[in-house]
Amino acid sequence: MITVIGSSPGVGKSTLCRALADWPAGLGASVDHFEEADVLARHRLTELPTRS
């Protein structure tokens, strides 16, 4: 998993992520690229591990 953090809008985070996803996908690899707004729509990413 690769995450990208930037200090302000418009610094190129989305462009960088799109390029990072397109590169291996162009070589035939399976890539699951999704936007920040989609994070909470993915059940596996909303689950938090519990401590015993």
PDB file of N, CA and C in Angstrom:
ATOM      1  N   MET A   1       0.855  -1.158   0.000  1.00  0.00           N
ATOM      2  CA  MET A   1       0.000   0.000   0.000  1.00  0.00           C
ATOM      3  C   MET A   1       0.903   1.223   0.000  1.00  0.00           C
ATOM      4  N   ILE A   2       0.529   2.178  -0.797  1.00  0.00           N
ATOM      5  CA  ILE A   2       1.242   3.452  -0.855  1.00  0.00           C
ATOM      6  C   ILE A   2       0.248   4.553  -0.513  1.00  0.00           C
ATOM      7  N   THR A   3       0.605   5.398   0.414  1.00  0.00           N
ATOM      8  CA  THR A   3      -0.209   6.570   0.712  1.00  0.00           C
ATOM      9  C   THR A   3       0.627   7.812   0.446  1.00  0.00           C
ATOM     10  N   VAL A   4      -0.028   8.871   0.043  1.00  0.00           N
ATOM     11  CA  VAL A   4       0.652  10.121  -0.267  1.00  0.00           C
ATOM     12  C   VAL A   4      -0.002  11.230   0.540  1.00  0.00           C
ATOM     13  N   ILE A   5       0.806  11.995   1.214  1.00  0.00           N
ATOM     14  CA  ILE A   5       0.319  13.100   2.048  1.00  0.00           C
ATOM     15  C   ILE A   5       0.959  14.388   1.554  1.00  0.00           C
ATOM     16  N   GLY A   6       0.168  15.444   1.464  1.00  0.00           N
ATOM     17  CA  GLY A   6       0.681  16.747   1.063  1.00  0.00           C
ATOM     18  C   GLY A   6       0.141  17.825   1.961  1.00  0.00           C
ATOM     19  N   SER A   7       0.839  18.925   2.024  1.00  0.00           N
ATOM     20  CA  SER A   7       0.486  19.985   2.957  1.00  0.00           C
ATOM     21  C   SER A   7      -0.642  20.894   2.484  1.00  0.00           C
ATOM     22  N   SER A   8      -0.980  20.841   1.201  1.00  0.00           N
ATOM     23  CA  SER A   8      -2.033  21.726   0.709  1.00  0.00           C
ATOM     24  C   SER A   8      -2.618  21.166  -0.584  1.00  0.00           C
ATOM     25  N   PRO A   9      -3.794  21.669  -0.957  1.00  0.00           N
ATOM     26  CA  PRO A   9      -4.388  21.243  -2.229  1.00  0.00           C
ATOM     27  C   PRO A   9      -3.537  21.723  -3.406  1.00  0.00           C
ATOM     28  N   GLY A  10      -3.549  20.947  -4.465  1.00  0.00           N
ATOM     29  CA  GLY A  10      -2.895  21.375  -5.695  1.00  0.00           C
ATOM     30  C   GLY A  10      -1.405  21.132  -5.774  1.00  0.00           C
ATOM     31  N   VAL A  11      -0.842  20.354  -4.838  1.00  0.00           N
ATOM     32  CA  VAL A  11       0.599  20.110  -4.889  1.00  0.00           C
ATOM     33  C   VAL A  11       0.968  18.881  -5.716  1.00  0.00           C
ATOM     34  N   GLY A  12      -0.036  18.158  -6.243  1.00  0.00           N
ATOM     35  CA  GLY A  12       0.231  17.050  -7.142  1.00  0.00           C
ATOM     36  C   GLY A  12       0.030  15.661  -6.565  1.00  0.00           C
ATOM     37  N   LYS A  13      -0.658  15.548  -5.433  1.00  0.00           N
ATOM     38  CA  LYS A  13      -0.868  14.234  -4.809  1.00  0.00           C
ATOM     39  C   LYS A  13      -1.649  13.301  -5.724  1.00  0.00           C
ATOM     40  N   SER A  14      -2.750  13.760  -6.250  1.00  0.00           N
ATOM     41  CA  SER A  14      -3.580  12.921  -7.121  1.00  0.00           C
ATOM     42  C   SER A  14      -2.849  12.559  -8.399  1.00  0.00           C
ATOM     43  N   THR A  15      -2.130  13.489  -8.960  1.00  0.00           N
ATOM     44  CA  THR A  15      -1.363  13.231 -10.178  1.00  0.00           C
ATOM     45  C   THR A  15      -0.287  12.190  -9.917  1.00  0.00           C
ATOM     46  N   LEU A  16       0.405  12.314  -8.804  1.00  0.00           N
ATOM     47  CA  LEU A  16       1.439  11.347  -8.439  1.00  0.00           C
ATOM     48  C   LEU A  16       0.834   9.954  -8.241  1.00  0.00           C
ATOM     49  N   CYS A  17      -0.267   9.886  -7.508  1.00  0.00           N
ATOM     50  CA  CYS A  17      -0.906   8.587  -7.258  1.00  0.00           C
ATOM     51  C   CYS A  17      -1.384   7.939  -8.541  1.00  0.00           C
ATOM     52  N   ARG A  18      -1.944   8.740  -9.446  1.00  0.00           N
ATOM     53  CA  ARG A  18      -2.404   8.208 -10.722  1.00  0.00           C
ATOM     54  C   ARG A  18      -1.227   7.644 -11.514  1.00  0.00           C
ATOM     55  N   ALA A  19      -0.110   8.359 -11.525  1.00  0.00           N
ATOM     56  CA  ALA A  19       1.078   7.890 -12.241  1.00  0.00           C
ATOM     57  C   ALA A  19       1.641   6.626 -11.600  1.00  0.00           C
ATOM     58  N   LEU A  20       1.650   6.572 -10.273  1.00  0.00           N
ATOM     59  CA  LEU A  20       2.148   5.379  -9.574  1.00  0.00           C
ATOM     60  C   LEU A  20       1.275   4.167  -9.851  1.00  0.00           C
ATOM     61  N   ALA A  21      -0.015   4.364 -10.000  1.00  0.00           N
ATOM     62  CA  ALA A  21      -0.926   3.258 -10.299  1.00  0.00           C
ATOM     63  C   ALA A  21      -0.833   2.842 -11.769  1.00  0.00           C
ATOM     64  N   ASP A  22      -0.686   3.811 -12.654  1.00  0.00           N
ATOM     65  CA  ASP A  22      -0.648   3.513 -14.090  1.00  0.00           C
ATOM     66  C   ASP A  22       0.610   2.754 -14.493  1.00  0.00           C
ATOM     67  N   TRP A  23       1.717   3.011 -13.833  1.00  0.00           N
ATOM     68  CA  TRP A  23       2.987   2.393 -14.209  1.00  0.00           C
ATOM     69  C   TRP A  23       2.922   0.865 -14.110  1.00  0.00           C
ATOM     70  N   PRO A  24       2.648   0.275 -12.931  1.00  0.00           N
ATOM     71  CA  PRO A  24       2.598  -1.194 -12.888  1.00  0.00           C
ATOM     72  C   PRO A  24       1.387  -1.766 -13.647  1.00  0.00           C
ATOM     73  N   ALA A  25       0.291  -1.011 -13.674  1.00  0.00           N
ATOM     74  CA  ALA A  25      -0.882  -1.481 -14.421  1.00  0.00           C
ATOM     75  C   ALA A  25      -0.536  -1.608 -15.900  1.00  0.00           C
ATOM     76  N   GLY A  26       0.272  -0.695 -16.397  1.00  0.00           N
ATOM     77  CA  GLY A  26       0.699  -0.739 -17.788  1.00  0.00           C
ATOM     78  C   GLY A  26       1.585  -1.940 -18.090  1.00  0.00           C
ATOM     79  N   LEU A  27       2.183  -2.503 -17.039  1.00  0.00           N
ATOM     80  CA  LEU A  27       3.026  -3.693 -17.195  1.00  0.00           C
ATOM     81  C   LEU A  27       2.240  -4.979 -16.964  1.00  0.00           C
ATOM     82  N   GLY A  28       0.921  -4.844 -16.739  1.00  0.00           N
ATOM     83  CA  GLY A  28       0.067  -6.009 -16.564  1.00  0.00           C
ATOM     84  C   GLY A  28      -0.231  -6.378 -15.125  1.00  0.00           C
ATOM     85  N   ALA A  29       0.268  -5.607 -14.164  1.00  0.00           N
ATOM     86  CA  ALA A  29       0.008  -5.899 -12.757  1.00  0.00           C
ATOM     87  C   ALA A  29      -1.411  -5.466 -12.383  1.00  0.00           C
ATOM     88  N   SER A  30      -1.955  -6.125 -11.397  1.00  0.00           N
ATOM     89  CA  SER A  30      -3.275  -5.757 -10.879  1.00  0.00           C
ATOM     90  C   SER A  30      -3.099  -4.627  -9.872  1.00  0.00           C
ATOM     91  N   VAL A  31      -3.748  -3.510 -10.119  1.00  0.00           N
ATOM     92  CA  VAL A  31      -3.611  -2.328  -9.267  1.00  0.00           C
ATOM     93  C   VAL A  31      -4.991  -1.877  -8.818  1.00  0.00           C
ATOM     94  N   ASP A  32      -5.134  -1.612  -7.540  1.00  0.00           N
ATOM     95  CA  ASP A  32      -6.391  -1.092  -6.997  1.00  0.00           C
ATOM     96  C   ASP A  32      -6.145   0.338  -6.544  1.00  0.00           C
ATOM     97  N   HIS A  33      -6.423   1.277  -7.430  1.00  0.00           N
ATOM     98  CA  HIS A  33      -6.214   2.692  -7.125  1.00  0.00           C
ATOM     99  C   HIS A  33      -7.557   3.321  -6.797  1.00  0.00           C
ATOM    100  N   PHE A  34      -7.640   3.991  -5.660  1.00  0.00           N
ATOM    101  CA  PHE A  34      -8.892   4.654  -5.306  1.00  0.00           C
ATOM    102  C   PHE A  34      -8.600   6.008  -4.682  1.00  0.00           C
ATOM    103  N   GLU A  35      -9.564   6.882  -4.820  1.00  0.00           N
ATOM    104  CA  GLU A  35      -9.436   8.252  -4.335  1.00  0.00           C
ATOM    105  C   GLU A  35      -9.670   8.330  -2.830  1.00  0.00           C
ATOM    106  N   GLU A  36      -9.218   9.403  -2.236  1.00  0.00           N
ATOM    107  CA  GLU A  36      -9.382   9.621  -0.795  1.00  0.00           C
ATOM    108  C   GLU A  36     -10.840   9.531  -0.373  1.00  0.00           C
ATOM    109  N   ALA A  37     -11.726  10.061  -1.173  1.00  0.00           N
ATOM    110  CA  ALA A  37     -13.151  10.052  -0.828  1.00  0.00           C
ATOM    111  C   ALA A  37     -13.724   8.644  -0.749  1.00  0.00           C
ATOM    112  N   ASP A  38     -13.048   7.678  -1.369  1.00  0.00           N
ATOM    113  CA  ASP A  38     -13.526   6.300  -1.384  1.00  0.00           C
ATOM    114  C   ASP A  38     -13.047   5.461  -0.193  1.00  0.00           C
ATOM    115  N   VAL A  39     -12.162   5.994   0.620  1.00  0.00           N
ATOM    116  CA  VAL A  39     -11.584   5.220   1.721  1.00  0.00           C
ATOM    117  C   VAL A  39     -12.669   4.700   2.665  1.00  0.00           C
ATOM    118  N   LEU A  40     -13.569   5.548   3.098  1.00  0.00           N
ATOM    119  CA  LEU A  40     -14.585   5.127   4.056  1.00  0.00           C
ATOM    120  C   LEU A  40     -15.658   4.235   3.427  1.00  0.00           C
ATOM    121  N   ALA A  41     -15.689   4.167   2.112  1.00  0.00           N
ATOM    122  CA  ALA A  41     -16.640   3.288   1.438  1.00  0.00           C
ATOM    123  C   ALA A  41     -16.126   1.848   1.369  1.00  0.00           C
ATOM    124  N   ARG A  42     -14.896   1.640   1.765  1.00  0.00           N
ATOM    125  CA  ARG A  42     -14.287   0.304   1.743  1.00  0.00           C
ATOM    126  C   ARG A  42     -14.295  -0.268   3.145  1.00  0.00           C
ATOM    127  N   HIS A  43     -15.117  -1.287   3.320  1.00  0.00           N
ATOM    128  CA  HIS A  43     -15.326  -1.860   4.645  1.00  0.00           C
ATOM    129  C   HIS A  43     -14.019  -2.270   5.326  1.00  0.00           C
ATOM    130  N   ARG A  44     -13.124  -2.902   4.595  1.00  0.00           N
ATOM    131  CA  ARG A  44     -11.866  -3.365   5.191  1.00  0.00           C
ATOM    132  C   ARG A  44     -11.026  -2.219   5.725  1.00  0.00           C
ATOM    133  N   LEU A  45     -11.153  -1.029   5.153  1.00  0.00           N
ATOM    134  CA  LEU A  45     -10.360   0.103   5.612  1.00  0.00           C
ATOM    135  C   LEU A  45     -11.010   0.842   6.774  1.00  0.00           C
ATOM    136  N   THR A  46     -12.265   0.560   7.061  1.00  0.00           N
ATOM    137  CA  THR A  46     -12.923   1.231   8.173  1.00  0.00           C
ATOM    138  C   THR A  46     -12.813   0.443   9.462  1.00  0.00           C
ATOM    139  N   GLU A  47     -12.420  -0.826   9.374  1.00  0.00           N
ATOM    140  CA  GLU A  47     -12.279  -1.654  10.571  1.00  0.00           C
ATOM    141  C   GLU A  47     -10.969  -1.310  11.296  1.00  0.00           C
ATOM    142  N   LEU A  48     -11.060  -1.145  12.584  1.00  0.00           N
ATOM    143  CA  LEU A  48      -9.879  -0.893  13.394  1.00  0.00           C
ATOM    144  C   LEU A  48      -9.556  -2.143  14.197  1.00  0.00           C
ATOM    145  N   PRO A  49      -8.293  -2.506  14.274  1.00  0.00           N
ATOM    146  CA  PRO A  49      -7.942  -3.665  15.087  1.00  0.00           C
ATOM    147  C   PRO A  49      -8.238  -3.374  16.559  1.00  0.00           C
ATOM    148  N   THR A  50      -8.648  -4.393  17.272  1.00  0.00           N
ATOM    149  CA  THR A  50      -8.932  -4.232  18.705  1.00  0.00           C
ATOM    150  C   THR A  50      -7.774  -4.814  19.510  1.00  0.00           C
ATOM    151  N   ARG A  51      -7.548  -4.206  20.646  1.00  0.00           N
ATOM    152  CA  ARG A  51      -6.497  -4.708  21.545  1.00  0.00           C
ATOM    153  C   ARG A  51      -7.100  -5.614  22.578  1.00  0.00           C
ATOM    154  N   SER A  52      -6.378  -6.652  22.917  1.00  0.00           N
ATOM    155  CA  SER A  52      -6.869  -7.600  23.924  1.00  0.00           C
ATOM    156  C   SER A  52      -6.430  -7.171  25.309  1.00  0.00           C
TER     157      SER A  52
END
